[in-house]
Amino acid sequence: MSALFSIFGFLSVMLHGFDLVAQTVLLGSILFLLLLALPLAAPLGDDSALVLSGTRRVIQIDWPGLSS
């Protein structure tokens, strides 16, 4: 019985770590988009569309993970 509690404790810690990583990725992506990608979109030219779409894709993938 003790091993079962240990396994659930370990999984709880791992899920909490995953949640912290997801929050960090989302916050970093939003800040990158607002502070760097959008202001520098004009000087980058055609490459800015690739950077903006990739950043938005990361935000869209990570957003549902923070519903907890």
PDB file of N, CA and C in Angstrom:
ATOM      1  N   MET A   1       0.819  -1.196   0.000  1.00  0.00           N
ATOM      2  CA  MET A   1       0.000   0.000   0.000  1.00  0.00           C
ATOM      3  C   MET A   1       0.863   1.260   0.000  1.00  0.00           C
ATOM      4  N   SER A   2       1.972   1.186   0.697  1.00  0.00           N
ATOM      5  CA  SER A   2       2.869   2.336   0.765  1.00  0.00           C
ATOM      6  C   SER A   2       3.469   2.651  -0.612  1.00  0.00           C
ATOM      7  N   ALA A   3       3.756   1.613  -1.382  1.00  0.00           N
ATOM      8  CA  ALA A   3       4.315   1.824  -2.719  1.00  0.00           C
ATOM      9  C   ALA A   3       3.311   2.538  -3.620  1.00  0.00           C
ATOM     10  N   LEU A   4       2.031   2.244  -3.432  1.00  0.00           N
ATOM     11  CA  LEU A   4       0.998   2.903  -4.230  1.00  0.00           C
ATOM     12  C   LEU A   4       0.961   4.400  -3.944  1.00  0.00           C
ATOM     13  N   PHE A   5       1.074   4.749  -2.657  1.00  0.00           N
ATOM     14  CA  PHE A   5       1.102   6.168  -2.300  1.00  0.00           C
ATOM     15  C   PHE A   5       2.363   6.846  -2.834  1.00  0.00           C
ATOM     16  N   SER A   6       3.464   6.119  -2.829  1.00  0.00           N
ATOM     17  CA  SER A   6       4.713   6.683  -3.358  1.00  0.00           C
ATOM     18  C   SER A   6       4.604   6.955  -4.853  1.00  0.00           C
ATOM     19  N   ILE A   7       3.971   6.036  -5.569  1.00  0.00           N
ATOM     20  CA  ILE A   7       3.810   6.223  -7.015  1.00  0.00           C
ATOM     21  C   ILE A   7       2.929   7.436  -7.300  1.00  0.00           C
ATOM     22  N   PHE A   8       1.816   7.563  -6.568  1.00  0.00           N
ATOM     23  CA  PHE A   8       0.939   8.713  -6.788  1.00  0.00           C
ATOM     24  C   PHE A   8       1.598  10.019  -6.370  1.00  0.00           C
ATOM     25  N   GLY A   9       2.417   9.993  -5.338  1.00  0.00           N
ATOM     26  CA  GLY A   9       3.168  11.184  -4.947  1.00  0.00           C
ATOM     27  C   GLY A   9       4.157  11.598  -6.025  1.00  0.00           C
ATOM     28  N   PHE A  10       4.848  10.616  -6.589  1.00  0.00           N
ATOM     29  CA  PHE A  10       5.797  10.891  -7.665  1.00  0.00           C
ATOM     30  C   PHE A  10       5.087  11.465  -8.886  1.00  0.00           C
ATOM     31  N   LEU A  11       3.953  10.866  -9.260  1.00  0.00           N
ATOM     32  CA  LEU A  11       3.202  11.372 -10.411  1.00  0.00           C
ATOM     33  C   LEU A  11       2.673  12.780 -10.156  1.00  0.00           C
ATOM     34  N   SER A  12       2.289  13.060  -8.929  1.00  0.00           N
ATOM     35  CA  SER A  12       1.816  14.402  -8.591  1.00  0.00           C
ATOM     36  C   SER A  12       2.925  15.434  -8.775  1.00  0.00           C
ATOM     37  N   VAL A  13       4.121  15.091  -8.330  1.00  0.00           N
ATOM     38  CA  VAL A  13       5.264  16.005  -8.487  1.00  0.00           C
ATOM     39  C   VAL A  13       5.599  16.187  -9.966  1.00  0.00           C
ATOM     40  N   MET A  14       5.554  15.110 -10.738  1.00  0.00           N
ATOM     41  CA  MET A  14       5.858  15.209 -12.163  1.00  0.00           C
ATOM     42  C   MET A  14       4.822  16.067 -12.899  1.00  0.00           C
ATOM     43  N   LEU A  15       3.553  15.885 -12.571  1.00  0.00           N
ATOM     44  CA  LEU A  15       2.513  16.691 -13.220  1.00  0.00           C
ATOM     45  C   LEU A  15       2.624  18.160 -12.830  1.00  0.00           C
ATOM     46  N   HIS A  16       2.989  18.427 -11.597  1.00  0.00           N
ATOM     47  CA  HIS A  16       3.180  19.819 -11.182  1.00  0.00           C
ATOM     48  C   HIS A  16       4.352  20.443 -11.941  1.00  0.00           C
ATOM     49  N   GLY A  17       5.418  19.677 -12.122  1.00  0.00           N
ATOM     50  CA  GLY A  17       6.554  20.162 -12.905  1.00  0.00           C
ATOM     51  C   GLY A  17       6.173  20.440 -14.349  1.00  0.00           C
ATOM     52  N   PHE A  18       5.375  19.542 -14.933  1.00  0.00           N
ATOM     53  CA  PHE A  18       4.900  19.750 -16.297  1.00  0.00           C
ATOM     54  C   PHE A  18       4.057  21.017 -16.393  1.00  0.00           C
ATOM     55  N   ASP A  19       3.231  21.266 -15.394  1.00  0.00           N
ATOM     56  CA  ASP A  19       2.398  22.471 -15.370  1.00  0.00           C
ATOM     57  C   ASP A  19       3.264  23.730 -15.309  1.00  0.00           C
ATOM     58  N   LEU A  20       4.308  23.693 -14.496  1.00  0.00           N
ATOM     59  CA  LEU A  20       5.205  24.853 -14.412  1.00  0.00           C
ATOM     60  C   LEU A  20       5.934  25.094 -15.730  1.00  0.00           C
ATOM     61  N   VAL A  21       6.340  24.033 -16.395  1.00  0.00           N
ATOM     62  CA  VAL A  21       7.008  24.173 -17.694  1.00  0.00           C
ATOM     63  C   VAL A  21       6.049  24.755 -18.723  1.00  0.00           C
ATOM     64  N   ALA A  22       4.803  24.286 -18.726  1.00  0.00           N
ATOM     65  CA  ALA A  22       3.811  24.793 -19.676  1.00  0.00           C
ATOM     66  C   ALA A  22       3.541  26.275 -19.429  1.00  0.00           C
ATOM     67  N   GLN A  23       3.448  26.678 -18.170  1.00  0.00           N
ATOM     68  CA  GLN A  23       3.232  28.095 -17.861  1.00  0.00           C
ATOM     69  C   GLN A  23       4.404  28.944 -18.328  1.00  0.00           C
ATOM     70  N   THR A  24       5.609  28.441 -18.128  1.00  0.00           N
ATOM     71  CA  THR A  24       6.806  29.184 -18.520  1.00  0.00           C
ATOM     72  C   THR A  24       6.890  29.330 -20.039  1.00  0.00           C
ATOM     73  N   VAL A  25       6.596  28.258 -20.755  1.00  0.00           N
ATOM     74  CA  VAL A  25       6.623  28.318 -22.225  1.00  0.00           C
ATOM     75  C   VAL A  25       5.577  29.294 -22.743  1.00  0.00           C
ATOM     76  N   LEU A  26       4.384  29.244 -22.172  1.00  0.00           N
ATOM     77  CA  LEU A  26       3.321  30.143 -22.623  1.00  0.00           C
ATOM     78  C   LEU A  26       3.676  31.598 -22.345  1.00  0.00           C
ATOM     79  N   LEU A  27       4.123  31.895 -21.143  1.00  0.00           N
ATOM     80  CA  LEU A  27       4.477  33.271 -20.797  1.00  0.00           C
ATOM     81  C   LEU A  27       5.649  33.765 -21.650  1.00  0.00           C
ATOM     82  N   GLY A  28       6.648  32.923 -21.845  1.00  0.00           N
ATOM     83  CA  GLY A  28       7.784  33.306 -22.677  1.00  0.00           C
ATOM     84  C   GLY A  28       7.391  33.546 -24.128  1.00  0.00           C
ATOM     85  N   SER A  29       6.484  32.720 -24.645  1.00  0.00           N
ATOM     86  CA  SER A  29       6.033  32.893 -26.030  1.00  0.00           C
ATOM     87  C   SER A  29       5.244  34.179 -26.205  1.00  0.00           C
ATOM     88  N   ILE A  30       4.383  34.481 -25.243  1.00  0.00           N
ATOM     89  CA  ILE A  30       3.589  35.710 -25.333  1.00  0.00           C
ATOM     90  C   ILE A  30       4.501  36.928 -25.237  1.00  0.00           C
ATOM     91  N   LEU A  31       5.443  36.909 -24.306  1.00  0.00           N
ATOM     92  CA  LEU A  31       6.358  38.045 -24.175  1.00  0.00           C
ATOM     93  C   LEU A  31       7.243  38.189 -25.413  1.00  0.00           C
ATOM     94  N   PHE A  32       7.711  37.077 -25.969  1.00  0.00           N
ATOM     95  CA  PHE A  32       8.505  37.137 -27.192  1.00  0.00           C
ATOM     96  C   PHE A  32       7.696  37.748 -28.333  1.00  0.00           C
ATOM     97  N   LEU A  33       6.439  37.328 -28.445  1.00  0.00           N
ATOM     98  CA  LEU A  33       5.585  37.846 -29.513  1.00  0.00           C
ATOM     99  C   LEU A  33       5.370  39.346 -29.348  1.00  0.00           C
ATOM    100  N   LEU A  34       5.054  39.778 -28.140  1.00  0.00           N
ATOM    101  CA  LEU A  34       4.726  41.187 -27.914  1.00  0.00           C
ATOM    102  C   LEU A  34       5.944  42.107 -27.912  1.00  0.00           C
ATOM    103  N   LEU A  35       7.061  41.641 -27.352  1.00  0.00           N
ATOM    104  CA  LEU A  35       8.215  42.522 -27.176  1.00  0.00           C
ATOM    105  C   LEU A  35       9.245  42.444 -28.291  1.00  0.00           C
ATOM    106  N   LEU A  36       9.300  41.330 -29.020  1.00  0.00           N
ATOM    107  CA  LEU A  36      10.318  41.199 -30.062  1.00  0.00           C
ATOM    108  C   LEU A  36       9.748  40.946 -31.446  1.00  0.00           C
ATOM    109  N   ALA A  37       8.902  39.949 -31.568  1.00  0.00           N
ATOM    110  CA  ALA A  37       8.472  39.520 -32.901  1.00  0.00           C
ATOM    111  C   ALA A  37       7.623  40.579 -33.601  1.00  0.00           C
ATOM    112  N   LEU A  38       6.654  41.130 -32.915  1.00  0.00           N
ATOM    113  CA  LEU A  38       5.800  42.135 -33.567  1.00  0.00           C
ATOM    114  C   LEU A  38       6.532  43.444 -33.846  1.00  0.00           C
ATOM    115  N   PRO A  39       7.312  44.000 -32.888  1.00  0.00           N
ATOM    116  CA  PRO A  39       8.026  45.248 -33.211  1.00  0.00           C
ATOM    117  C   PRO A  39       9.080  45.096 -34.298  1.00  0.00           C
ATOM    118  N   LEU A  40       9.677  43.912 -34.412  1.00  0.00           N
ATOM    119  CA  LEU A  40      10.729  43.713 -35.410  1.00  0.00           C
ATOM    120  C   LEU A  40      10.219  43.045 -36.683  1.00  0.00           C
ATOM    121  N   ALA A  41       8.925  42.955 -36.857  1.00  0.00           N
ATOM    122  CA  ALA A  41       8.368  42.274 -38.032  1.00  0.00           C
ATOM    123  C   ALA A  41       8.707  43.010 -39.321  1.00  0.00           C
ATOM    124  N   ALA A  42       8.662  44.332 -39.319  1.00  0.00           N
ATOM    125  CA  ALA A  42       8.943  45.090 -40.538  1.00  0.00           C
ATOM    126  C   ALA A  42      10.394  44.926 -41.007  1.00  0.00           C
ATOM    127  N   PRO A  43      11.393  45.056 -40.127  1.00  0.00           N
ATOM    128  CA  PRO A  43      12.777  44.882 -40.603  1.00  0.00           C
ATOM    129  C   PRO A  43      13.105  43.463 -41.069  1.00  0.00           C
ATOM    130  N   LEU A  44      12.388  42.464 -40.556  1.00  0.00           N
ATOM    131  CA  LEU A  44      12.679  41.081 -40.947  1.00  0.00           C
ATOM    132  C   LEU A  44      12.153  40.741 -42.328  1.00  0.00           C
ATOM    133  N   GLY A  45      11.160  41.457 -42.779  1.00  0.00           N
ATOM    134  CA  GLY A  45      10.619  41.216 -44.115  1.00  0.00           C
ATOM    135  C   GLY A  45       9.822  39.926 -44.194  1.00  0.00           C
ATOM    136  N   ASP A  46      10.151  39.091 -45.180  1.00  0.00           N
ATOM    137  CA  ASP A  46       9.403  37.853 -45.416  1.00  0.00           C
ATOM    138  C   ASP A  46       9.582  36.833 -44.296  1.00  0.00           C
ATOM    139  N   ASP A  47      10.718  36.877 -43.615  1.00  0.00           N
ATOM    140  CA  ASP A  47      10.971  35.921 -42.539  1.00  0.00           C
ATOM    141  C   ASP A  47      10.080  36.161 -41.331  1.00  0.00           C
ATOM    142  N   SER A  48       9.514  37.349 -41.215  1.00  0.00           N
ATOM    143  CA  SER A  48       8.680  37.650 -40.050  1.00  0.00           C
ATOM    144  C   SER A  48       7.413  36.801 -40.027  1.00  0.00           C
ATOM    145  N   ALA A  49       6.881  36.462 -41.193  1.00  0.00           N
ATOM    146  CA  ALA A  49       5.675  35.627 -41.239  1.00  0.00           C
ATOM    147  C   ALA A  49       5.959  34.244 -40.655  1.00  0.00           C
ATOM    148  N   LEU A  50       7.119  33.705 -40.926  1.00  0.00           N
ATOM    149  CA  LEU A  50       7.492  32.405 -40.384  1.00  0.00           C
ATOM    150  C   LEU A  50       7.665  32.468 -38.870  1.00  0.00           C
ATOM    151  N   VAL A  51       8.321  33.512 -38.387  1.00  0.00           N
ATOM    152  CA  VAL A  51       8.528  33.676 -36.940  1.00  0.00           C
ATOM    153  C   VAL A  51       7.197  33.876 -36.225  1.00  0.00           C
ATOM    154  N   LEU A  52       6.342  34.727 -36.778  1.00  0.00           N
ATOM    155  CA  LEU A  52       5.051  35.001 -36.141  1.00  0.00           C
ATOM    156  C   LEU A  52       4.154  33.769 -36.140  1.00  0.00           C
ATOM    157  N   SER A  53       4.123  33.031 -37.232  1.00  0.00           N
ATOM    158  CA  SER A  53       3.260  31.845 -37.279  1.00  0.00           C
ATOM    159  C   SER A  53       3.764  30.763 -36.326  1.00  0.00           C
ATOM    160  N   GLY A  54       5.064  30.601 -36.224  1.00  0.00           N
ATOM    161  CA  GLY A  54       5.611  29.614 -35.301  1.00  0.00           C
ATOM    162  C   GLY A  54       5.322  29.965 -33.848  1.00  0.00           C
ATOM    163  N   THR A  55       5.466  31.241 -33.517  1.00  0.00           N
ATOM    164  CA  THR A  55       5.187  31.679 -32.154  1.00  0.00           C
ATOM    165  C   THR A  55       3.711  31.529 -31.826  1.00  0.00           C
ATOM    166  N   ARG A  56       2.853  31.891 -32.750  1.00  0.00           N
ATOM    167  CA  ARG A  56       1.413  31.733 -32.511  1.00  0.00           C
ATOM    168  C   ARG A  56       1.030  30.263 -32.384  1.00  0.00           C
ATOM    169  N   ARG A  57       1.676  29.395 -33.134  1.00  0.00           N
ATOM    170  CA  ARG A  57       1.397  27.962 -33.046  1.00  0.00           C
ATOM    171  C   ARG A  57       1.775  27.423 -31.665  1.00  0.00           C
ATOM    172  N   VAL A  58       2.919  27.863 -31.137  1.00  0.00           N
ATOM    173  CA  VAL A  58       3.324  27.428 -29.802  1.00  0.00           C
ATOM    174  C   VAL A  58       2.313  27.898 -28.760  1.00  0.00           C
ATOM    175  N   ILE A  59       1.835  29.130 -28.895  1.00  0.00           N
ATOM    176  CA  ILE A  59       0.841  29.659 -27.955  1.00  0.00           C
ATOM    177  C   ILE A  59      -0.459  28.867 -28.056  1.00  0.00           C
ATOM    178  N   GLN A  60      -0.896  28.565 -29.263  1.00  0.00           N
ATOM    179  CA  GLN A  60      -2.137  27.815 -29.443  1.00  0.00           C
ATOM    180  C   GLN A  60      -2.026  26.394 -28.904  1.00  0.00           C
ATOM    181  N   ILE A  61      -0.883  25.781 -29.016  1.00  0.00           N
ATOM    182  CA  ILE A  61      -0.700  24.419 -28.513  1.00  0.00           C
ATOM    183  C   ILE A  61      -0.639  24.421 -26.988  1.00  0.00           C
ATOM    184  N   ASP A  62       0.015  25.414 -26.421  1.00  0.00           N
ATOM    185  CA  ASP A  62       0.239  25.447 -24.982  1.00  0.00           C
ATOM    186  C   ASP A  62      -0.949  26.001 -24.197  1.00  0.00           C
ATOM    187  N   TRP A  63      -1.789  26.793 -24.817  1.00  0.00           N
ATOM    188  CA  TRP A  63      -2.889  27.443 -24.112  1.00  0.00           C
ATOM    189  C   TRP A  63      -3.835  26.458 -23.431  1.00  0.00           C
ATOM    190  N   PRO A  64      -4.306  25.406 -24.097  1.00  0.00           N
ATOM    191  CA  PRO A  64      -5.235  24.478 -23.410  1.00  0.00           C
ATOM    192  C   PRO A  64      -4.602  23.746 -22.230  1.00  0.00           C
ATOM    193  N   GLY A  65      -3.296  23.654 -22.203  1.00  0.00           N
ATOM    194  CA  GLY A  65      -2.632  22.967 -21.107  1.00  0.00           C
ATOM    195  C   GLY A  65      -2.720  23.688 -19.783  1.00  0.00           C
ATOM    196  N   LEU A  66      -3.137  24.937 -19.810  1.00  0.00           N
ATOM    197  CA  LEU A  66      -3.202  25.724 -18.576  1.00  0.00           C
ATOM    198  C   LEU A  66      -4.620  25.836 -18.048  1.00  0.00           C
ATOM    199  N   SER A  67      -5.504  24.978 -18.496  1.00  0.00           N
ATOM    200  CA  SER A  67      -6.878  25.062 -18.038  1.00  0.00           C
ATOM    201  C   SER A  67      -7.055  24.536 -16.621  1.00  0.00           C
ATOM    202  N   SER A  68      -6.030  23.908 -16.086  1.00  0.00           N
ATOM    203  CA  SER A  68      -6.161  23.358 -14.737  1.00  0.00           C
ATOM    204  C   SER A  68      -5.914  24.388 -13.654  1.00  0.00           C
TER     205      SER A  68
END
